[in-house]
Structures are given as C-alpha cells and as structure tokens.
Protein backbone atom coordinates (compact mmCIF):
# COMPACT_ATOMS: atom_id res chain seq x y z
CA MET A 1 126.92 87.63 78.88
CA LYS A 2 126.44 91.37 79.44
CA GLU A 3 122.88 92.28 80.31
CA LYS A 4 121.23 95.26 78.66
CA LYS A 5 117.65 96.32 79.31
CA SER A 6 115.36 97.00 76.39
CA PHE A 7 114.01 100.50 75.83
CA PHE A 8 110.61 99.63 77.34
CA LYS A 9 112.24 98.25 80.50
CA LEU A 10 114.10 101.43 81.35
CA PRO A 11 112.76 102.84 84.67
CA VAL A 12 112.18 106.33 83.22
CA VAL A 13 110.26 104.97 80.24
CA GLN A 14 108.14 102.68 82.39
CA ALA A 15 107.33 105.50 84.83
CA LEU A 16 106.20 107.69 81.93
CA LEU A 17 104.12 104.94 80.34
CA VAL A 18 102.44 104.02 83.64
CA SER A 19 101.59 107.68 84.33
CA LEU A 20 100.10 108.10 80.87
CA PHE A 21 98.13 104.87 81.32
CA CYS A 22 96.72 106.10 84.66
CA ILE A 23 95.76 109.44 83.11
CA LEU A 24 94.06 107.79 80.14
CA LEU A 25 92.18 105.27 82.25
CA GLY A 26 91.13 107.98 84.72
CA LEU A 27 89.77 110.10 81.87
CA ILE A 28 87.89 107.13 80.41
CA ILE A 29 86.24 106.30 83.75
CA GLY A 30 85.41 110.00 84.24
CA PHE A 31 83.86 110.07 80.79
CA ILE A 32 81.72 107.03 81.69
CA VAL A 33 80.50 108.88 84.80
CA LEU A 34 79.62 111.88 82.62
CA LEU A 35 77.70 109.58 80.27
CA ILE A 36 75.69 108.28 83.22
CA ILE A 37 74.89 111.81 84.41
CA LYS A 38 73.93 113.28 81.03
CA PRO A 39 74.87 111.38 77.86
CA ALA A 40 74.12 114.27 75.51
CA GLY A 41 76.82 116.57 76.89
CA ALA A 42 79.41 114.04 78.09
CA TRP A 43 81.90 114.58 75.27
CA GLU A 44 81.65 118.36 75.51
CA ALA A 45 82.21 118.12 79.26
CA ILE A 46 85.36 115.98 79.10
CA THR A 47 86.87 118.18 76.39
CA THR A 48 86.01 121.30 78.41
CA ILE A 49 87.98 119.95 81.36
CA LEU A 50 90.99 119.19 79.18
CA LYS A 51 90.88 122.53 77.36
CA ASN A 52 90.72 124.70 80.53
CA PHE A 53 91.90 128.21 79.52
CA TRP A 54 91.54 127.34 75.83
CA ASN A 55 87.79 127.50 76.37
CA TYR A 56 88.18 131.26 75.98
CA THR A 57 88.29 132.63 72.45
CA ARG A 58 90.19 135.85 73.19
CA THR A 59 93.96 135.59 73.54
CA ASN A 60 94.22 137.98 76.49
CA LEU A 61 91.71 135.91 78.48
CA GLN A 62 93.54 132.69 77.58
CA LEU A 63 96.85 134.13 78.84
CA LYS A 64 95.27 135.51 82.00
CA ASN A 65 93.74 132.17 82.93
CA LEU A 66 96.94 130.35 81.99
CA GLY A 67 98.66 132.63 84.51
CA ASN A 68 96.03 131.68 87.11
CA THR A 69 96.75 128.00 86.51
CA LEU A 70 100.51 128.50 86.72
CA VAL A 71 100.36 130.44 89.99
CA LYS A 72 98.45 127.55 91.59
CA THR A 73 100.82 125.03 90.03
CA ALA A 74 103.76 126.42 92.05
CA PRO A 75 102.35 125.58 95.53
CA LEU A 76 100.99 122.27 94.25
CA LEU A 77 104.46 121.35 93.00
CA MET A 78 105.97 122.23 96.39
CA CYS A 79 103.40 120.05 98.17
CA SER A 80 104.10 117.16 95.79
CA LEU A 81 107.84 117.53 96.46
CA SER A 82 107.07 117.43 100.19
CA VAL A 83 105.17 114.15 99.82
CA LEU A 84 107.67 112.43 97.52
CA PHE A 85 110.71 113.51 99.55
CA ALA A 86 109.31 111.87 102.66
CA TYR A 87 108.15 108.84 100.69
CA LYS A 88 111.63 108.30 99.26
CA ALA A 89 112.90 108.21 102.83
CA GLY A 90 110.29 105.62 103.85
CA LEU A 91 107.76 108.04 105.41
CA PHE A 92 104.26 108.98 104.29
CA ASN A 93 103.84 112.71 104.89
CA ILE A 94 100.07 113.13 104.84
CA GLY A 95 100.71 116.23 106.96
CA ALA A 96 101.70 118.34 103.94
CA ALA A 97 98.26 119.97 104.23
CA GLY A 98 98.91 121.08 107.83
CA GLN A 99 102.42 122.24 107.00
CA TYR A 100 100.92 124.21 104.11
CA VAL A 101 98.46 125.81 106.55
CA VAL A 102 101.11 126.97 109.06
CA GLY A 103 103.21 128.27 106.18
CA ALA A 104 100.27 130.34 104.98
CA GLY A 105 99.63 131.67 108.48
CA ALA A 106 103.28 132.57 109.08
CA CYS A 107 103.81 134.43 105.80
CA LEU A 108 100.48 136.31 105.98
CA TYR A 109 100.96 137.39 109.58
CA CYS A 110 104.48 138.62 108.85
CA ALA A 111 103.20 140.51 105.82
CA LEU A 112 99.97 141.99 107.19
CA ALA A 113 100.79 142.51 110.89
CA TRP A 114 104.52 143.27 110.81
CA HIS A 115 104.84 144.53 107.19
CA LEU A 116 108.03 142.57 106.55
CA PRO A 117 109.62 142.17 103.07
CA TRP A 118 108.74 139.19 100.92
CA TYR A 119 111.94 137.20 101.53
CA VAL A 120 111.47 137.37 105.32
CA CYS A 121 107.85 136.23 104.93
CA LEU A 122 109.03 133.40 102.70
CA LEU A 123 111.60 132.27 105.28
CA ALA A 124 108.95 132.47 108.03
CA ALA A 125 106.69 130.13 106.06
CA LEU A 126 109.59 127.75 105.47
CA ALA A 127 110.49 127.72 109.17
CA ALA A 128 106.87 127.20 110.29
CA GLY A 129 106.39 124.22 107.96
CA ALA A 130 109.73 122.73 109.03
CA LEU A 131 108.82 123.09 112.71
CA LEU A 132 105.56 121.21 112.23
CA GLY A 133 107.45 118.51 110.33
CA VAL A 134 109.98 118.25 113.17
CA ILE A 135 107.16 117.50 115.62
CA SER A 136 105.96 114.53 113.56
CA GLY A 137 109.53 113.39 112.94
CA ALA A 138 110.44 113.54 116.63
CA LEU A 139 107.32 111.59 117.62
CA LYS A 140 108.28 108.96 115.05
CA ALA A 141 111.94 108.82 116.07
CA TYR A 142 111.65 108.84 119.87
CA CYS A 143 108.12 107.51 120.58
CA ASN A 144 107.58 105.34 117.47
CA VAL A 145 104.31 107.20 116.75
CA ASN A 146 103.16 106.49 113.21
CA GLU A 147 103.70 109.64 111.15
CA VAL A 148 100.31 109.27 109.46
CA ILE A 149 98.48 109.51 112.80
CA SER A 150 100.50 112.45 114.11
CA CYS A 151 100.27 114.31 110.80
CA ILE A 152 96.47 113.95 110.59
CA MET A 153 96.10 115.27 114.14
CA LEU A 154 98.43 118.20 113.46
CA ASN A 155 96.55 119.09 110.26
CA TRP A 156 93.44 120.06 112.23
CA ILE A 157 95.32 121.60 115.14
CA SER A 158 97.20 123.78 112.66
CA LEU A 159 94.04 124.85 110.84
CA TYR A 160 92.24 126.14 113.93
CA LEU A 161 95.33 127.78 115.40
CA ILE A 162 95.99 129.65 112.15
CA ASN A 163 92.33 130.66 111.92
CA MET A 164 92.60 132.22 115.38
CA LEU A 165 95.94 133.89 114.61
CA LEU A 166 94.78 135.48 111.36
CA THR A 167 91.63 136.97 112.89
CA ASN A 168 94.00 139.73 114.02
CA VAL A 169 94.66 140.73 110.40
CA LYS A 170 91.24 140.19 108.82
CA GLU A 171 88.66 142.61 107.50
CA THR A 172 85.95 143.63 109.95
CA THR A 173 83.05 142.96 107.59
CA SER A 174 84.24 139.65 106.10
CA PRO A 175 86.07 136.50 107.21
CA TYR A 176 88.94 137.13 104.77
CA THR A 177 92.32 138.58 105.67
CA PHE A 178 93.37 141.99 104.39
CA LYS A 179 94.39 142.17 100.76
CA LEU A 180 98.12 142.12 100.26
CA SER A 181 97.85 145.01 97.79
CA THR A 182 96.50 147.35 100.48
CA ALA A 183 97.96 146.15 103.80
CA GLY A 184 101.21 144.44 102.79
CA GLU A 185 102.33 145.71 99.40
CA GLN A 186 105.99 145.41 100.42
CA SER A 187 105.53 141.63 100.78
CA PHE A 188 104.58 140.92 97.16
CA LEU A 189 106.75 138.34 95.43
CA PRO A 190 108.51 139.97 92.46
CA ASN A 191 106.87 139.01 89.17
CA LEU A 192 110.14 139.55 87.21
CA GLY A 193 108.18 141.26 84.44
CA MET A 194 106.49 138.01 83.43
CA GLY A 195 103.05 139.32 84.34
CA ASP A 196 103.35 142.49 82.28
CA ALA A 197 104.87 140.74 79.26
CA LEU A 198 102.79 137.57 79.08
CA PHE A 199 99.73 137.59 81.26
CA GLY A 200 98.31 141.07 80.93
CA LYS A 201 99.71 142.76 84.05
CA ASN A 202 98.88 139.69 86.09
CA GLN A 203 100.85 140.05 89.33
CA TYR A 204 100.48 136.37 90.11
CA THR A 205 103.04 134.69 87.89
CA GLY A 206 106.75 135.26 88.32
CA LEU A 207 109.25 134.31 90.96
CA ALA A 208 106.92 131.74 92.58
CA LEU A 209 107.02 129.36 89.62
CA ILE A 210 110.79 129.75 89.22
CA ILE A 211 111.38 128.97 92.93
CA ALA A 212 109.18 125.86 92.71
CA ILE A 213 111.00 124.51 89.64
CA LEU A 214 114.42 125.20 91.21
CA ALA A 215 113.24 123.37 94.35
CA ALA A 216 112.32 120.34 92.23
CA VAL A 217 115.79 120.29 90.67
CA LEU A 218 117.42 120.69 94.09
CA ILE A 219 115.41 117.80 95.59
CA TRP A 220 116.34 115.62 92.60
CA PHE A 221 120.01 116.41 93.20
CA ILE A 222 119.85 115.81 96.96
CA LEU A 223 118.06 112.48 96.66
CA GLY A 224 120.12 111.07 93.83
CA LYS A 225 123.56 112.68 94.03
CA THR A 226 124.43 113.39 97.66
CA LYS A 227 125.49 111.49 100.76
CA LEU A 228 122.62 113.09 102.69
CA GLY A 229 120.06 111.75 100.24
CA TYR A 230 121.59 108.28 100.40
CA GLU A 231 121.51 108.24 104.21
CA LEU A 232 117.91 109.48 104.35
CA LYS A 233 116.77 106.79 101.92
CA ALA A 234 118.78 104.11 103.71
CA THR A 235 117.22 105.06 107.03
CA GLY A 236 113.78 104.85 105.48
CA TYR A 237 114.44 101.39 104.04
CA ASN A 238 115.75 99.88 107.27
CA ARG A 239 116.35 101.87 110.45
CA SER A 240 118.21 99.01 112.17
CA ALA A 241 120.56 98.50 109.25
CA ALA A 242 121.22 102.24 109.06
CA ARG A 243 122.04 102.35 112.76
CA TYR A 244 124.36 99.33 112.37
CA CYS A 245 126.21 101.18 109.58
CA GLY A 246 126.79 104.15 111.86
CA MET A 247 124.03 106.40 110.56
CA LYS A 248 122.04 108.51 113.03
CA GLU A 249 118.62 107.16 112.17
CA LYS A 250 116.66 109.36 114.59
CA LYS A 251 118.33 112.50 113.32
CA ASN A 252 117.65 111.41 109.73
CA LEU A 253 113.95 110.80 110.41
CA ILE A 254 113.54 114.22 111.97
CA MET A 255 115.53 115.88 109.18
CA THR A 256 113.39 114.17 106.54
CA MET A 257 110.16 115.49 108.04
CA ALA A 258 111.71 118.93 108.59
CA ILE A 259 112.69 119.25 104.92
CA SER A 260 109.31 117.86 103.89
CA GLY A 261 107.48 120.40 106.05
CA ALA A 262 109.68 123.24 104.82
CA LEU A 263 108.73 122.46 101.22
CA ALA A 264 104.99 122.47 101.95
CA GLY A 265 105.21 125.63 104.06
CA THR A 266 107.13 127.42 101.32
CA GLY A 267 104.47 126.33 98.84
CA ALA A 268 101.84 128.27 100.79
CA ALA A 269 104.00 131.40 100.72
CA LEU A 270 104.39 131.04 96.94
CA LEU A 271 100.61 131.36 96.63
CA TYR A 272 99.60 133.90 99.28
CA LEU A 273 102.52 136.28 98.72
CA THR A 274 101.39 136.76 95.12
CA GLY A 275 98.14 138.38 96.24
CA PHE A 276 96.19 135.85 94.22
CA THR A 277 93.85 135.02 97.10
CA GLU A 278 93.24 135.71 100.78
CA TRP A 279 92.87 133.38 103.76
CA MET A 280 89.34 132.76 105.07
CA THR A 281 89.50 132.59 108.85
CA THR A 282 86.22 130.68 109.18
CA GLN A 283 87.12 127.72 106.99
CA SER A 284 86.54 124.38 108.66
CA SER A 285 88.33 122.10 106.20
CA VAL A 286 92.03 121.74 105.51
CA PRO A 287 93.03 123.20 102.10
CA ALA A 288 93.05 120.60 99.35
CA MET A 289 96.45 121.71 98.06
CA GLY A 290 98.33 119.40 100.44
CA PHE A 291 96.25 116.36 99.52
CA ASN A 292 96.43 117.14 95.79
CA GLY A 293 100.18 117.03 96.25
CA ILE A 294 99.85 113.30 96.92
CA ALA A 295 98.21 112.85 93.51
CA ALA A 296 100.87 114.94 91.77
CA ALA A 297 103.71 113.07 93.51
CA PHE A 298 102.50 109.60 92.54
CA LEU A 299 101.42 110.62 89.06
CA GLY A 300 104.92 112.01 88.51
CA GLY A 301 106.38 108.60 89.31
CA LEU A 302 107.77 109.88 92.64
CA ASN A 303 110.38 111.75 90.62
CA PRO A 304 110.97 115.47 91.34
CA ILE A 305 111.26 116.32 87.64
CA GLY A 306 108.16 114.28 86.79
CA ALA A 307 106.31 116.13 89.57
CA ILE A 308 106.70 119.40 87.62
CA PHE A 309 104.60 118.08 84.75
CA SER A 310 102.14 116.10 86.86
CA SER A 311 101.47 119.14 89.09
CA PHE A 312 100.63 121.26 86.08
CA PHE A 313 98.35 118.55 84.69
CA ILE A 314 96.48 118.11 88.00
CA GLN A 315 95.99 121.86 88.35
CA HIS A 316 95.05 122.15 84.68
CA ILE A 317 92.14 119.71 84.90
CA THR A 318 91.13 121.07 88.32
CA ASP A 319 90.77 124.56 86.86
CA GLY A 320 89.07 123.04 83.81
CA GLY A 321 86.39 121.71 86.12
CA SER A 322 85.34 125.28 86.96
CA PHE A 323 83.77 125.53 83.49
CA MET A 324 81.52 122.52 84.09
CA THR A 325 78.66 124.43 85.71
CA LYS A 326 78.18 126.40 82.49
CA ILE A 327 77.24 123.22 80.61
CA GLY A 328 75.11 121.61 83.31
CA PHE A 329 77.63 119.40 85.16
CA PRO A 330 79.00 119.66 88.71
CA SER A 331 82.48 121.17 88.93
CA GLN A 332 83.55 118.32 91.24
CA ILE A 333 83.90 116.06 88.19
CA SER A 334 87.49 117.25 87.78
CA ASP A 335 88.18 116.31 91.41
CA LEU A 336 86.71 112.88 90.71
CA ILE A 337 89.04 112.40 87.76
CA SER A 338 92.04 113.47 89.87
CA SER A 339 90.97 111.00 92.57
CA LEU A 340 90.65 108.21 90.03
CA ILE A 341 94.13 108.94 88.70
CA ILE A 342 95.74 108.81 92.15
CA TYR A 343 93.77 105.63 92.94
CA LEU A 344 95.11 104.01 89.78
CA CYS A 345 98.64 105.18 90.70
CA GLY A 346 98.32 102.89 93.72
CA PHE A 347 98.51 99.97 91.28
CA VAL A 348 101.82 101.12 89.77
CA MET A 349 103.71 97.99 90.81
CA PHE A 350 100.96 95.72 89.53
CA ILE A 351 100.86 97.57 86.20
CA LYS A 352 104.65 97.36 85.86
CA LEU A 353 104.67 93.63 86.65
CA THR A 354 101.93 93.01 84.10
CA PHE A 355 103.74 95.05 81.47
CA ASN A 356 107.08 93.33 82.11
CA GLY A 357 105.37 89.94 81.94
CA PHE A 358 103.94 90.88 78.56
CA LEU A 359 107.38 91.93 77.33
CA ASP A 360 108.92 88.65 78.52
CA ARG A 361 106.22 86.56 76.83
CA HIS A 362 106.64 88.56 73.63
CA SER A 363 110.41 88.03 73.65
CA LYS A 364 109.99 84.27 74.14
CA SER A 365 107.44 83.99 71.33
CA THR A 366 109.74 85.85 68.92
CA GLY A 367 112.84 84.00 70.10
CA THR A 368 114.63 87.17 71.28
CA ASN A 369 115.93 88.15 74.66
CA VAL A 370 114.97 91.75 75.40
CA ASN A 371 117.34 91.91 78.36
CA ALA A 372 120.57 90.70 76.74
CA GLU A 373 122.99 91.99 74.15
CA PRO A 374 123.90 89.78 71.16
CA ALA A 375 126.70 87.36 71.92
CA PRO A 376 130.12 88.52 70.63
CA VAL A 377 131.38 86.91 67.42
CA GLN A 378 134.12 84.30 68.14
CA GLU A 379 136.91 83.19 65.83
CA PRO A 380 136.48 79.58 64.59
CA ALA A 381 138.70 77.09 66.43
CA PRO A 382 141.41 75.33 64.36
CA ASP A 383 140.64 71.74 63.38
CA ALA A 384 142.37 68.80 65.05
CA GLN A 385 144.78 68.01 62.15
CA THR A 386 146.06 71.58 61.97
CA ALA A 387 146.62 71.58 65.73
CA VAL A 388 148.61 68.27 65.56
CA ALA A 389 150.70 69.55 62.67
CA ASP A 390 151.54 72.69 64.53
CA ASN A 391 152.61 70.68 67.54
CA LYS A 392 154.89 68.46 65.40
CA GLU A 393 156.51 71.44 63.68
CA GLY A 394 157.04 73.03 67.05
CA GLY A 395 158.67 69.82 68.30
CA ASN A 396 160.98 69.52 65.24
CA GLU A 397 162.11 73.09 65.63
CA GLU A 398 163.10 72.37 69.18
C-alpha cells in the first residue's frame, strides 16, 4: 500500500505550526510576567511590543522606523544563517557573535582608515569572519576541540582586539568611531533608491536587505540541492562514515565553519556600512546580534527561508521593546520574550512527537489512517462455477 502523509504531517507544515506555537506561548508567558510587574498596563505593554513602528500615528515616522527595523533585520538574518548552516552540518556555531565582531572591525577599518569602496569593505568583512571560523574548524578537525569552547574563547578575544584596532579611527572626544558620512562616504552601501522612495531619505535600507535575502536563498540551494551541501551534512552526521565513503571530513569541517563565519562577518558589514550606527571602542560585552541569530535560526525551523521571517519577527519585537519605558515597563521585556521563544524552540522534537501522537490517536478513534492512501478498487473475482465452465469450454475447443 502506498504511503502518503497527511497535510499536518508534512515537515514544512509542522515546522510552521511549531514556530507559531512557540511564539504564542512565549507571548503568553511574557504577558504573565507583565501582569506580575504591573497588572493595570500589561495589555497595553504587550500590544506595544507587537505594534513596534505602528505605535506612531504619522505615516512618515512609521516608514522611518520600519526602515530602522529592516536595516537591523539584514545582519540578524545573516547571523541566523551562520548558526543554521553550521547546525545542519552537525556543528553548533556559538561563535557567530565573534565572527560578527571581526567583520565589523574589518569593514570599518577599511572604510575609515583606508577609504576603500563599499564592495572591498564588504569582502574584507567576509574574509575576516571566514578566517575566525577556520580557526575553530581547524581546532575541531585536527585537535578535536569542541567548537563551542573555542568559539566562546574567540568571541572575547575578537572583541578586545577589534576595540584596540578601531581606537585608531575613533573620535577624540568620544569612544565611538568616526561617522561613515564624514570619514568614509565612499564606503556607503548603495540604497538603490529605496530610502528616498519609501523611508523618507533613510540611507539605511537598500542593498543590505537584498544581499541578506539572496544569501538565504543561496544557503537553501547549497544545503538541499548540491553535492557540497550533502557532503557537509553527511560529515556532520557521522565523521567516520563520511571518511569511509571517501569524503574529506577534516576539510568539510573547516569549510563549514569558514562559510558560517563568512556569513556572520558579512552581516556586520551590512549594518555598519549603512551608516546606521558606529562602533563603541569601550564596549565590554559581545554584541547581541550573534546570539539573537540563534533564536532566529531555531524559530525559523532551521530553514534558510524560514529564517527570513523569524529574523524580522525577532527584530520587530526587540525594537518594540524600546517603547516600553514610555509606559512604565523595562525595555528588556522584549529580550525576555525572545529568550522564552528560543527556550521553547529547544523542545521542538518533544512538541512534534506530542503532536504526531495526537494525530495518530485521532486517526485511530475515527477509523482512518492519516498516513495511507485509500486502497485501489479491485475487480470482483469470478465465481467457481464460471471458472469451471470456462475451463471445460477451453478443453473442448482444444
């Protein structure tokens, strides 16, 4: 009998339903926390987070803040692609934050110290992130050092090295680097007219978002449609089996981390080359963008296309949290909700098993099989007398 999965057992449908369930449950728990803090304004607070730029009444302000959210969505999407690419190959790249940092340092130094064009700065960020990924990949391949340990160490090493490097291109009276509009105007990413047409001459939105979306499509194609993607995933599942099949498992591990690092490093360039913000050379904590990429990757079902939508959602509620102080709540509530969502995404397998168990019980109670097609209609067999008569006639003819 030919097996056919029901609609609710399709992997894409289940990934979408699980993500929506995690979002809903995270919002409910966040709302309960708001009720504990101040019951009177809890509903207004949760709706404020979800509305984000719609909290403004004027259209031009709504579009401007939508542009601000989109420009931060691009690097977040790149960081989420970095995490999920490594995860698909059996590695947990918690070093996306450090790779993001070196990418920011490389592109800003090229722009502010050497005044290079934007595409050279972009390639410098890509190369810097890839190099840091290669270090973790090589330690994993040749010394069997857990990539989580090496990545965490490199995150902090990268932060302090970049802080020291960028002190050469910072303002004398503040810890921030020079503004790109004054010291590196030639390094601006082209906005392709999107800023002037949609977001009120907002330089931020343009090529960055397009590059990030194209990267998501490219990663989807590599992982699912190419020999390289198959070998990287096979190496991640079982290094010994991959080596037995003739695959170069050490090379594949290093390549996985290199591509992962390149994605995160490019993400930093997509933010800082827009002139949206400057680097603070005295910061003592790793930027949250790399860690938020973990949330976006898992919320998107570890699918590059799903990561596009989950990255926008995570950034949307994060920016929505900035309005919380106006109504008497801490802005960190949005970070709490994001953390709850990623925590719930850790139970994806459990949720899927529970859901599939419910579907199986429902099919048994209704007497239907949700996994099978109806049996084909068969012609009725001839009765015994007709069969005997046919045999006799056949014998007489002979």
